[in-house]
PDB file of N, CA and C in Angstrom:
ATOM      1  N   MET A   1      98.069  -6.550-262.242  1.00  0.00           N
ATOM      2  CA  MET A   1      97.991  -8.550-261.896  1.00  0.00           C
ATOM      3  C   MET A   1      97.003  -9.365-262.384  1.00  0.00           C
ATOM      4  N   PRO A   2      97.025  -9.851-263.400  1.00  0.00           N
ATOM      5  CA  PRO A   2      95.854 -10.711-263.918  1.00  0.00           C
ATOM      6  C   PRO A   2      95.241 -11.714-263.473  1.00  0.00           C
ATOM      7  N   LEU A   3      95.858 -11.943-262.115  1.00  0.00           N
ATOM      8  CA  LEU A   3      94.571 -12.668-261.550  1.00  0.00           C
ATOM      9  C   LEU A   3      93.843 -11.936-260.605  1.00  0.00           C
ATOM     10  N   LEU A   4      93.923 -10.350-260.206  1.00  0.00           N
ATOM     11  CA  LEU A   4      93.148  -9.623-259.809  1.00  0.00           C
ATOM     12  C   LEU A   4      91.724  -9.648-260.691  1.00  0.00           C
ATOM     13  N   ASP A   5      92.263  -9.320-261.908  1.00  0.00           N
ATOM     14  CA  ASP A   5      91.168  -9.387-262.822  1.00  0.00           C
ATOM     15  C   ASP A   5      90.060 -10.370-262.966  1.00  0.00           C
ATOM     16  N   GLU A   6      90.324 -11.536-263.036  1.00  0.00           N
ATOM     17  CA  GLU A   6      89.628 -12.864-262.814  1.00  0.00           C
ATOM     18  C   GLU A   6      89.008 -12.765-261.560  1.00  0.00           C
ATOM     19  N   GLY A   7      87.667 -13.214-261.751  1.00  0.00           N
ATOM     20  CA  GLY A   7      86.756 -13.535-260.139  1.00  0.00           C
ATOM     21  C   GLY A   7      86.533 -12.414-259.547  1.00  0.00           C
ATOM     22  N   ASP A   8      85.399 -12.267-258.584  1.00  0.00           N
ATOM     23  CA  ASP A   8      84.756 -11.515-258.141  1.00  0.00           C
ATOM     24  C   ASP A   8      85.313 -11.065-256.752  1.00  0.00           C
ATOM     25  N   LEU A   9      86.275 -10.517-256.154  1.00  0.00           N
ATOM     26  CA  LEU A   9      86.953 -10.987-254.758  1.00  0.00           C
ATOM     27  C   LEU A   9      86.215  -9.689-253.905  1.00  0.00           C
ATOM     28  N   GLU A  10      85.813 -10.346-252.514  1.00  0.00           N
ATOM     29  CA  GLU A  10      85.518  -9.187-251.537  1.00  0.00           C
ATOM     30  C   GLU A  10      86.566  -8.786-250.822  1.00  0.00           C
ATOM     31  N   ALA A  11      87.473  -9.218-250.546  1.00  0.00           N
ATOM     32  CA  ALA A  11      88.903  -9.359-249.656  1.00  0.00           C
ATOM     33  C   ALA A  11      90.523  -9.693-250.385  1.00  0.00           C
ATOM     34  N   PHE A  12      91.561  -9.274-250.340  1.00  0.00           N
ATOM     35  CA  PHE A  12      92.826  -9.466-250.404  1.00  0.00           C
ATOM     36  C   PHE A  12      93.602  -9.545-249.375  1.00  0.00           C
ATOM     37  N   ILE A  13      93.701 -10.792-248.866  1.00  0.00           N
ATOM     38  CA  ILE A  13      94.183 -10.901-247.612  1.00  0.00           C
ATOM     39  C   ILE A  13      96.016 -11.534-248.258  1.00  0.00           C
ATOM     40  N   ALA A  14      97.243 -10.834-247.648  1.00  0.00           N
ATOM     41  CA  ALA A  14      98.163 -11.199-247.990  1.00  0.00           C
ATOM     42  C   ALA A  14      98.616 -10.578-246.858  1.00  0.00           C
ATOM     43  N   ASP A  15     100.340 -11.125-246.981  1.00  0.00           N
ATOM     44  CA  ASP A  15     101.404 -10.544-245.850  1.00  0.00           C
ATOM     45  C   ASP A  15     102.239  -9.036-246.683  1.00  0.00           C
ATOM     46  N   LYS A  16     103.157  -8.837-245.334  1.00  0.00           N
ATOM     47  CA  LYS A  16     103.986  -7.613-245.719  1.00  0.00           C
ATOM     48  C   LYS A  16     104.353  -7.296-246.894  1.00  0.00           C
ATOM     49  N   ALA A  17     104.821  -8.520-247.437  1.00  0.00           N
ATOM     50  CA  ALA A  17     105.675  -8.371-249.140  1.00  0.00           C
ATOM     51  C   ALA A  17     104.442  -7.479-249.847  1.00  0.00           C
ATOM     52  N   TYR A  18     103.429  -8.039-249.603  1.00  0.00           N
ATOM     53  CA  TYR A  18     102.474  -7.021-250.842  1.00  0.00           C
ATOM     54  C   TYR A  18     102.023  -5.562-250.475  1.00  0.00           C
ATOM     55  N   ASP A  19     102.681  -5.194-249.150  1.00  0.00           N
ATOM     56  CA  ASP A  19     102.568  -3.874-248.863  1.00  0.00           C
ATOM     57  C   ASP A  19     102.904  -3.180-250.057  1.00  0.00           C
ATOM     58  N   ALA A  20     102.332  -2.817-250.772  1.00  0.00           N
ATOM     59  CA  ALA A  20     102.657  -1.117-252.116  1.00  0.00           C
ATOM     60  C   ALA A  20     101.388  -0.498-252.748  1.00  0.00           C
ATOM     61  N   ASP A  21     101.786   0.402-252.606  1.00  0.00           N
ATOM     62  CA  ASP A  21     100.944   1.273-252.688  1.00  0.00           C
ATOM     63  C   ASP A  21     100.218   1.647-254.203  1.00  0.00           C
ATOM     64  N   PRO A  22     100.858   0.951-255.294  1.00  0.00           N
ATOM     65  CA  PRO A  22      99.979   0.571-256.469  1.00  0.00           C
ATOM     66  C   PRO A  22      99.280  -0.523-256.585  1.00  0.00           C
ATOM     67  N   LEU A  23      99.566  -1.553-255.857  1.00  0.00           N
ATOM     68  CA  LEU A  23      98.516  -2.692-255.606  1.00  0.00           C
ATOM     69  C   LEU A  23      97.277  -2.252-254.942  1.00  0.00           C
ATOM     70  N   ILE A  24      97.328  -1.704-253.647  1.00  0.00           N
ATOM     71  CA  ILE A  24      96.793  -1.032-252.351  1.00  0.00           C
ATOM     72  C   ILE A  24      95.641  -0.389-253.426  1.00  0.00           C
ATOM     73  N   GLU A  25      96.147   0.615-254.539  1.00  0.00           N
ATOM     74  CA  GLU A  25      95.380   1.538-255.519  1.00  0.00           C
ATOM     75  C   GLU A  25      93.982   0.704-255.993  1.00  0.00           C
ATOM     76  N   LYS A  26      95.394  -0.054-256.803  1.00  0.00           N
ATOM     77  CA  LYS A  26      94.443  -1.035-257.563  1.00  0.00           C
ATOM     78  C   LYS A  26      93.428  -2.038-256.987  1.00  0.00           C
ATOM     79  N   LEU A  27      93.115  -2.203-255.792  1.00  0.00           N
ATOM     80  CA  LEU A  27      92.440  -3.114-254.836  1.00  0.00           C
ATOM     81  C   LEU A  27      91.223  -1.904-254.518  1.00  0.00           C
ATOM     82  N   GLU A  28      91.853  -0.980-253.883  1.00  0.00           N
ATOM     83  CA  GLU A  28      90.962   0.070-253.715  1.00  0.00           C
ATOM     84  C   GLU A  28      90.040   0.483-255.035  1.00  0.00           C
ATOM     85  N   GLU A  29      90.484   0.828-256.192  1.00  0.00           N
ATOM     86  CA  GLU A  29      89.658   0.660-257.422  1.00  0.00           C
ATOM     87  C   GLU A  29      88.707  -0.018-257.417  1.00  0.00           C
ATOM     88  N   ARG A  30      89.112  -1.116-257.617  1.00  0.00           N
ATOM     89  CA  ARG A  30      88.025  -2.174-257.978  1.00  0.00           C
ATOM     90  C   ARG A  30      87.367  -2.925-256.927  1.00  0.00           C
ATOM     91  N   LYS A  31      87.038  -1.802-255.490  1.00  0.00           N
ATOM     92  CA  LYS A  31      86.286  -2.255-254.183  1.00  0.00           C
ATOM     93  C   LYS A  31      86.735  -3.622-253.893  1.00  0.00           C
ATOM     94  N   ILE A  32      87.901  -3.966-253.836  1.00  0.00           N
ATOM     95  CA  ILE A  32      88.277  -5.071-252.662  1.00  0.00           C
ATOM     96  C   ILE A  32      88.766  -4.238-251.743  1.00  0.00           C
ATOM     97  N   THR A  33      88.783  -4.846-249.952  1.00  0.00           N
ATOM     98  CA  THR A  33      89.018  -4.932-249.414  1.00  0.00           C
ATOM     99  C   THR A  33      90.589  -5.055-249.124  1.00  0.00           C
ATOM    100  N   PRO A  34      91.555  -4.385-248.909  1.00  0.00           N
ATOM    101  CA  PRO A  34      92.957  -5.114-249.003  1.00  0.00           C
ATOM    102  C   PRO A  34      93.446  -5.490-247.422  1.00  0.00           C
ATOM    103  N   VAL A  35      93.630  -6.531-246.942  1.00  0.00           N
ATOM    104  CA  VAL A  35      93.727  -6.332-245.581  1.00  0.00           C
ATOM    105  C   VAL A  35      95.529  -6.954-245.878  1.00  0.00           C
ATOM    106  N   ILE A  36      96.031  -6.307-245.551  1.00  0.00           N
ATOM    107  CA  ILE A  36      97.557  -6.649-245.963  1.00  0.00           C
ATOM    108  C   ILE A  36      98.127  -5.629-244.431  1.00  0.00           C
ATOM    109  N   SER A  37      99.039  -6.076-243.866  1.00  0.00           N
ATOM    110  CA  SER A  37      99.450  -5.561-242.739  1.00  0.00           C
ATOM    111  C   SER A  37     100.802  -4.574-243.383  1.00  0.00           C
ATOM    112  N   SER A  38     100.828  -3.228-242.662  1.00  0.00           N
ATOM    113  CA  SER A  38     101.857  -2.097-242.926  1.00  0.00           C
ATOM    114  C   SER A  38     103.357  -3.009-242.729  1.00  0.00           C
ATOM    115  N   LYS A  39     104.311  -2.438-243.609  1.00  0.00           N
ATOM    116  CA  LYS A  39     105.347  -2.155-243.262  1.00  0.00           C
ATOM    117  C   LYS A  39     106.078  -1.793-242.084  1.00  0.00           C
ATOM    118  N   LYS A  40     107.306  -1.869-241.754  1.00  0.00           N
ATOM    119  CA  LYS A  40     107.723  -1.255-240.453  1.00  0.00           C
ATOM    120  C   LYS A  40     107.703   0.456-241.241  1.00  0.00           C
ATOM    121  N   ASN A  41     108.187   0.489-242.223  1.00  0.00           N
ATOM    122  CA  ASN A  41     108.941   1.570-243.089  1.00  0.00           C
ATOM    123  C   ASN A  41     107.487   2.601-243.206  1.00  0.00           C
ATOM    124  N   ARG A  42     106.618   2.285-243.248  1.00  0.00           N
ATOM    125  CA  ARG A  42     105.406   3.143-243.752  1.00  0.00           C
ATOM    126  C   ARG A  42     105.246   4.254-242.805  1.00  0.00           C
ATOM    127  N   ARG A  43     105.234   5.500-243.115  1.00  0.00           N
ATOM    128  CA  ARG A  43     104.757   6.626-242.444  1.00  0.00           C
ATOM    129  C   ARG A  43     103.783   6.466-241.513  1.00  0.00           C
ATOM    130  N   ASN A  44     103.197   5.559-242.484  1.00  0.00           N
ATOM    131  CA  ASN A  44     100.944   6.245-242.180  1.00  0.00           C
ATOM    132  C   ASN A  44     100.498   5.011-242.513  1.00  0.00           C
ATOM    133  N   PRO A  45     100.918   4.089-240.863  1.00  0.00           N
ATOM    134  CA  PRO A  45     100.206   2.391-241.331  1.00  0.00           C
ATOM    135  C   PRO A  45      98.888   2.625-241.535  1.00  0.00           C
ATOM    136  N   ARG A  46      98.386   1.662-242.303  1.00  0.00           N
ATOM    137  CA  ARG A  46      96.861   1.514-242.395  1.00  0.00           C
ATOM    138  C   ARG A  46      96.682   0.247-241.552  1.00  0.00           C
ATOM    139  N   LYS A  47      95.090   0.822-241.129  1.00  0.00           N
ATOM    140  CA  LYS A  47      94.630  -0.175-240.217  1.00  0.00           C
ATOM    141  C   LYS A  47      94.053  -1.546-241.097  1.00  0.00           C
ATOM    142  N   ILE A  48      93.651  -2.334-240.733  1.00  0.00           N
ATOM    143  CA  ILE A  48      93.268  -3.706-241.071  1.00  0.00           C
ATOM    144  C   ILE A  48      92.405  -4.462-240.013  1.00  0.00           C
ATOM    145  N   LEU A  49      91.417  -4.874-241.500  1.00  0.00           N
ATOM    146  CA  LEU A  49      90.277  -6.190-239.996  1.00  0.00           C
ATOM    147  C   LEU A  49      91.439  -7.366-239.718  1.00  0.00           C
ATOM    148  N   PHE A  50      91.535  -7.271-238.245  1.00  0.00           N
ATOM    149  CA  PHE A  50      92.824  -8.255-237.816  1.00  0.00           C
ATOM    150  C   PHE A  50      91.803  -9.449-237.749  1.00  0.00           C
ATOM    151  N   LEU A  51      90.786  -9.697-237.502  1.00  0.00           N
ATOM    152  CA  LEU A  51      90.075 -10.917-237.797  1.00  0.00           C
ATOM    153  C   LEU A  51      90.144 -11.686-239.285  1.00  0.00           C
ATOM    154  N   LEU A  52      89.905 -10.856-240.572  1.00  0.00           N
ATOM    155  CA  LEU A  52      90.499 -11.467-241.589  1.00  0.00           C
ATOM    156  C   LEU A  52      91.763 -11.664-241.704  1.00  0.00           C
ATOM    157  N   TYR A  53      92.442 -10.727-241.211  1.00  0.00           N
ATOM    158  CA  TYR A  53      93.719 -11.437-241.445  1.00  0.00           C
ATOM    159  C   TYR A  53      94.555 -12.399-240.284  1.00  0.00           C
ATOM    160  N   LYS A  54      93.930 -12.812-239.684  1.00  0.00           N
ATOM    161  CA  LYS A  54      94.442 -13.980-238.417  1.00  0.00           C
ATOM    162  C   LYS A  54      93.832 -15.057-239.609  1.00  0.00           C
ATOM    163  N   LYS A  55      93.009 -15.300-240.662  1.00  0.00           N
ATOM    164  CA  LYS A  55      92.521 -16.373-240.990  1.00  0.00           C
ATOM    165  C   LYS A  55      93.610 -16.667-242.038  1.00  0.00           C
ATOM    166  N   ARG A  56      94.432 -15.835-242.496  1.00  0.00           N
ATOM    167  CA  ARG A  56      95.284 -16.118-243.819  1.00  0.00           C
ATOM    168  C   ARG A  56      96.223 -17.340-242.937  1.00  0.00           C
ATOM    169  N   ASN A  57      96.578 -17.066-241.546  1.00  0.00           N
ATOM    170  CA  ASN A  57      97.360 -18.244-240.917  1.00  0.00           C
ATOM    171  C   ASN A  57      96.879 -19.438-241.048  1.00  0.00           C
ATOM    172  N   ILE A  58      95.635 -20.135-241.146  1.00  0.00           N
ATOM    173  CA  ILE A  58      94.929 -21.242-241.299  1.00  0.00           C
ATOM    174  C   ILE A  58      95.484 -21.914-242.936  1.00  0.00           C
ATOM    175  N   ILE A  59      95.658 -20.979-243.773  1.00  0.00           N
ATOM    176  CA  ILE A  59      95.812 -21.022-245.047  1.00  0.00           C
ATOM    177  C   ILE A  59      97.590 -21.107-245.320  1.00  0.00           C
ATOM    178  N   GLU A  60      98.132 -20.964-244.560  1.00  0.00           N
ATOM    179  CA  GLU A  60      99.936 -20.552-244.285  1.00  0.00           C
ATOM    180  C   GLU A  60     100.139 -21.972-243.977  1.00  0.00           C
ATOM    181  N   ARG A  61      99.160 -22.351-242.546  1.00  0.00           N
ATOM    182  CA  ARG A  61      99.538 -23.916-242.416  1.00  0.00           C
ATOM    183  C   ARG A  61      98.951 -25.333-243.130  1.00  0.00           C
ATOM    184  N   PHE A  62      97.771 -24.215-243.717  1.00  0.00           N
ATOM    185  CA  PHE A  62      97.662 -25.809-244.519  1.00  0.00           C
ATOM    186  C   PHE A  62      98.756 -25.830-245.660  1.00  0.00           C
ATOM    187  N   PHE A  63      99.601 -24.864-246.151  1.00  0.00           N
ATOM    188  CA  PHE A  63      99.909 -25.126-247.437  1.00  0.00           C
ATOM    189  C   PHE A  63     101.446 -25.688-246.748  1.00  0.00           C
ATOM    190  N   THR A  64     101.759 -25.644-245.617  1.00  0.00           N
ATOM    191  CA  THR A  64     103.042 -26.143-244.897  1.00  0.00           C
ATOM    192  C   THR A  64     102.537 -27.583-244.731  1.00  0.00           C
ATOM    193  N   ARG A  65     101.617 -28.253-244.606  1.00  0.00           N
ATOM    194  CA  ARG A  65     101.318 -29.369-244.187  1.00  0.00           C
ATOM    195  C   ARG A  65     101.278 -30.227-245.699  1.00  0.00           C
ATOM    196  N   LEU A  66     100.963 -29.228-246.662  1.00  0.00           N
ATOM    197  CA  LEU A  66     100.638 -29.932-247.843  1.00  0.00           C
ATOM    198  C   LEU A  66     101.985 -30.414-248.486  1.00  0.00           C
ATOM    199  N   LYS A  67     103.146 -28.952-247.905  1.00  0.00           N
ATOM    200  CA  LYS A  67     104.599 -29.839-248.486  1.00  0.00           C
ATOM    201  C   LYS A  67     105.327 -30.886-247.769  1.00  0.00           C
ATOM    202  N   GLN A  68     104.959 -31.046-247.105  1.00  0.00           N
ATOM    203  CA  GLN A  68     105.279 -32.288-246.234  1.00  0.00           C
ATOM    204  C   GLN A  68     105.315 -33.352-247.109  1.00  0.00           C
ATOM    205  N   PHE A  69     104.480 -33.331-247.817  1.00  0.00           N
ATOM    206  CA  PHE A  69     104.717 -34.662-249.194  1.00  0.00           C
ATOM    207  C   PHE A  69     105.035 -34.204-250.002  1.00  0.00           C
ATOM    208  N   ARG A  70     106.390 -34.864-249.907  1.00  0.00           N
ATOM    209  CA  ARG A  70     107.391 -34.046-251.305  1.00  0.00           C
ATOM    210  C   ARG A  70     107.214 -34.182-252.555  1.00  0.00           C
ATOM    211  N   ASP A  71     106.574 -35.504-252.979  1.00  0.00           N
ATOM    212  CA  ASP A  71     106.512 -35.399-254.007  1.00  0.00           C
ATOM    213  C   ASP A  71     105.174 -34.734-254.764  1.00  0.00           C
ATOM    214  N   THR A  72     104.393 -34.465-253.817  1.00  0.00           N
ATOM    215  CA  THR A  72     102.938 -33.318-254.193  1.00  0.00           C
ATOM    216  C   THR A  72     103.746 -31.778-254.419  1.00  0.00           C
ATOM    217  N   ALA A  73     104.787 -31.705-253.516  1.00  0.00           N
ATOM    218  CA  ALA A  73     105.354 -30.071-253.041  1.00  0.00           C
ATOM    219  C   ALA A  73     106.011 -29.822-254.461  1.00  0.00           C
ATOM    220  N   THR A  74     106.941 -30.927-254.503  1.00  0.00           N
ATOM    221  CA  THR A  74     107.768 -30.933-255.741  1.00  0.00           C
ATOM    222  C   THR A  74     107.605 -31.241-257.385  1.00  0.00           C
ATOM    223  N   ARG A  75     105.812 -31.393-257.358  1.00  0.00           N
ATOM    224  CA  ARG A  75     105.386 -31.840-258.298  1.00  0.00           C
ATOM    225  C   ARG A  75     106.270 -33.075-259.925  1.00  0.00           C
ATOM    226  N   TYR A  76     106.375 -34.392-259.209  1.00  0.00           N
ATOM    227  CA  TYR A  76     106.864 -35.311-259.752  1.00  0.00           C
ATOM    228  C   TYR A  76     106.389 -35.919-261.048  1.00  0.00           C
ATOM    229  N   ASP A  77     104.801 -35.709-260.787  1.00  0.00           N
ATOM    230  CA  ASP A  77     103.779 -35.934-261.602  1.00  0.00           C
ATOM    231  C   ASP A  77     103.830 -35.473-262.483  1.00  0.00           C
ATOM    232  N   LYS A  78     103.924 -36.059-264.422  1.00  0.00           N
ATOM    233  CA  LYS A  78     103.913 -35.357-265.569  1.00  0.00           C
ATOM    234  C   LYS A  78     102.795 -35.417-266.464  1.00  0.00           C
ATOM    235  N   LEU A  79     101.473 -35.760-265.757  1.00  0.00           N
ATOM    236  CA  LEU A  79     100.311 -35.263-266.001  1.00  0.00           C
ATOM    237  C   LEU A  79      99.785 -34.646-265.079  1.00  0.00           C
ATOM    238  N   LYS A  80      98.632 -33.502-265.662  1.00  0.00           N
ATOM    239  CA  LYS A  80      97.883 -32.427-265.013  1.00  0.00           C
ATOM    240  C   LYS A  80      97.127 -33.641-264.103  1.00  0.00           C
ATOM    241  N   SER A  81      96.555 -34.463-264.680  1.00  0.00           N
ATOM    242  CA  SER A  81      95.531 -35.113-264.452  1.00  0.00           C
ATOM    243  C   SER A  81      95.927 -35.946-262.871  1.00  0.00           C
ATOM    244  N   ALA A  82      96.847 -36.626-263.027  1.00  0.00           N
ATOM    245  CA  ALA A  82      98.090 -37.092-261.683  1.00  0.00           C
ATOM    246  C   ALA A  82      98.085 -36.447-260.730  1.00  0.00           C
ATOM    247  N   PHE A  83      98.937 -35.167-261.289  1.00  0.00           N
ATOM    248  CA  PHE A  83      99.219 -34.422-259.819  1.00  0.00           C
ATOM    249  C   PHE A  83      97.675 -33.553-259.276  1.00  0.00           C
ATOM    250  N   ILE A  84      96.656 -33.594-260.069  1.00  0.00           N
ATOM    251  CA  ILE A  84      95.512 -33.098-259.022  1.00  0.00           C
ATOM    252  C   ILE A  84      94.733 -33.642-258.382  1.00  0.00           C
ATOM    253  N   ALA A  85      95.077 -35.618-258.772  1.00  0.00           N
ATOM    254  CA  ALA A  85      94.641 -36.328-258.202  1.00  0.00           C
ATOM    255  C   ALA A  85      95.230 -36.453-256.858  1.00  0.00           C
ATOM    256  N   VAL A  86      96.582 -36.295-256.632  1.00  0.00           N
ATOM    257  CA  VAL A  86      97.589 -36.545-255.319  1.00  0.00           C
ATOM    258  C   VAL A  86      97.656 -35.636-255.243  1.00  0.00           C
ATOM    259  N   VAL A  87      97.148 -33.979-255.149  1.00  0.00           N
ATOM    260  CA  VAL A  87      96.922 -33.034-254.363  1.00  0.00           C
ATOM    261  C   VAL A  87      95.645 -33.197-253.710  1.00  0.00           C
ATOM    262  N   GLN A  88      94.510 -33.946-254.192  1.00  0.00           N
ATOM    263  CA  GLN A  88      93.119 -34.024-253.625  1.00  0.00           C
ATOM    264  C   GLN A  88      92.870 -35.460-252.441  1.00  0.00           C
ATOM    265  N   LEU A  89      94.362 -35.981-252.811  1.00  0.00           N
ATOM    266  CA  LEU A  89      94.071 -36.982-251.954  1.00  0.00           C
ATOM    267  C   LEU A  89      94.914 -36.945-251.130  1.00  0.00           C
ATOM    268  N   VAL A  90      96.007 -35.995-250.888  1.00  0.00           N
ATOM    269  CA  VAL A  90      96.591 -35.451-250.055  1.00  0.00           C
ATOM    270  C   VAL A  90      96.110 -34.101-248.842  1.00  0.00           C
ATOM    271  N   VAL A  91      94.813 -33.880-249.374  1.00  0.00           N
ATOM    272  CA  VAL A  91      94.271 -32.576-249.030  1.00  0.00           C
ATOM    273  C   VAL A  91      92.883 -33.366-248.346  1.00  0.00           C
ATOM    274  N   VAL A  92      92.770 -34.277-248.630  1.00  0.00           N
ATOM    275  CA  VAL A  92      91.713 -35.346-248.098  1.00  0.00           C
ATOM    276  C   VAL A  92      92.191 -35.603-246.752  1.00  0.00           C
ATOM    277  N   GLY A  93      93.575 -36.222-246.881  1.00  0.00           N
ATOM    278  CA  GLY A  93      94.290 -37.130-245.763  1.00  0.00           C
ATOM    279  C   GLY A  93      94.645 -36.074-245.055  1.00  0.00           C
ATOM    280  N   ILE A  94      94.839 -34.668-244.852  1.00  0.00           N
ATOM    281  CA  ILE A  94      95.240 -33.780-244.296  1.00  0.00           C
ATOM    282  C   ILE A  94      93.849 -33.052-243.420  1.00  0.00           C
ATOM    283  N   ALA A  95      92.522 -33.497-244.184  1.00  0.00           N
ATOM    284  CA  ALA A  95      91.635 -32.972-243.406  1.00  0.00           C
ATOM    285  C   ALA A  95      90.856 -34.043-242.533  1.00  0.00           C
ATOM    286  N   ILE A  96      91.482 -34.983-242.653  1.00  0.00           N
ATOM    287  CA  ILE A  96      91.392 -36.298-241.670  1.00  0.00           C
ATOM    288  C   ILE A  96      91.799 -36.267-240.405  1.00  0.00           C
ATOM    289  N   ASN A  97      92.931 -36.062-240.592  1.00  0.00           N
ATOM    290  CA  ASN A  97      93.869 -35.609-239.452  1.00  0.00           C
ATOM    291  C   ASN A  97      93.386 -34.412-238.547  1.00  0.00           C
TER     292      ASN A  97
END
């Protein structure tokens, strides 16, 4: 995953869809804490830092609120700068509420 190669991460928080041994091995190899809940069919479920996993919900709810603004979610703006400006405006609006 190219995004994992960029940046200095301490933890990787994701849902069950990312519960794959190759990904978890790569994270542990780079000394990144995987905070991914185990799938039901995993024979040996991993223990996770539940307090970090709860923070994932905050991000999920933020993106759900962001998607309520249809023009932002579907990106009707042609210019990157216009899109970023609209996203910033929406984020400020969400933060105020």
